[in-house]
């Protein structure tokens, strides 16, 4: 299962971890995903959604 938001498509980004001696090693930043129950066309579905989509109101949570 991919670490990707099902609404906006945000996924992991890559870069370098920089130590004090400036040795570079590859690392990944993962999106802040939540598995929530969502109303989609009147039915309830489970989706993995990032915090930004939840806070902006792009997703309506099911109760």
Protein backbone atom coordinates (compact mmCIF):
# COMPACT_ATOMS: atom_id res chain seq x y z
CA UNK A 1 0.00 0.00 0.00
CA UNK A 2 1.49 3.28 -1.12
CA UNK A 3 2.12 6.12 1.31
CA UNK A 4 0.13 8.55 -0.79
CA UNK A 5 -2.86 10.80 -0.09
CA UNK A 6 -5.90 9.55 -2.02
CA UNK A 7 -7.27 13.11 -2.44
CA UNK A 8 -4.33 15.31 -3.48
CA UNK A 9 -1.75 12.62 -4.36
CA UNK A 10 0.89 13.90 -1.94
CA UNK A 11 3.61 11.26 -1.45
CA UNK A 12 7.06 10.88 0.08
CA UNK A 13 9.77 13.39 -0.79
CA UNK A 14 13.48 12.59 -0.77
CA UNK A 15 16.59 14.48 0.17
CA UNK A 16 19.73 14.29 2.23
CA UNK A 17 20.22 13.91 5.95
CA UNK A 18 23.15 16.18 6.82
CA UNK A 19 25.31 15.22 9.79
CA UNK A 20 27.42 17.61 11.84
CA UNK A 21 30.46 16.61 9.77
CA UNK A 22 28.39 17.28 6.64
CA UNK A 23 28.24 13.64 5.52
CA UNK A 24 25.18 13.28 3.29
CA UNK A 25 22.96 10.19 3.42
CA UNK A 26 19.66 9.73 1.62
CA UNK A 27 16.44 10.01 3.62
CA UNK A 28 12.70 10.28 3.05
CA UNK A 29 10.05 12.61 4.44
CA UNK A 30 6.67 10.88 4.64
CA UNK A 31 3.33 12.73 4.42
CA UNK A 32 1.18 12.93 7.55
CA UNK A 33 -1.49 10.41 6.53
CA UNK A 34 -4.60 9.40 8.48
CA UNK A 35 -6.94 6.53 7.69
CA UNK A 36 -10.40 8.07 8.03
CA UNK A 37 -13.97 7.11 7.20
CA UNK A 38 -15.22 9.47 4.49
CA UNK A 39 -18.58 10.21 2.85
CA UNK A 40 -18.18 9.64 -0.91
CA UNK A 41 -21.37 10.09 -2.98
CA UNK A 42 -23.55 9.12 -0.01
CA UNK A 43 -21.60 5.98 0.90
CA UNK A 44 -18.97 5.52 3.60
CA UNK A 45 -15.46 4.59 2.46
CA UNK A 46 -12.08 4.30 4.18
CA UNK A 47 -9.39 6.52 2.71
CA UNK A 48 -5.83 7.48 3.55
CA UNK A 49 -5.87 11.28 3.61
CA UNK A 50 -3.15 13.81 4.52
CA UNK A 51 -3.68 16.34 7.29
CA UNK A 52 -3.73 19.25 4.86
CA UNK A 53 -6.77 17.82 3.01
CA UNK A 54 -8.56 17.15 6.31
CA UNK A 55 -7.93 20.66 7.63
CA UNK A 56 -8.87 22.41 4.37
CA UNK A 57 -12.23 20.63 4.16
CA UNK A 58 -11.57 18.72 0.93
CA UNK A 59 -12.91 15.61 2.69
CA UNK A 60 -16.17 15.16 4.62
CA UNK A 61 -15.70 12.72 7.48
CA UNK A 62 -18.38 10.12 8.16
CA UNK A 63 -19.86 9.92 11.65
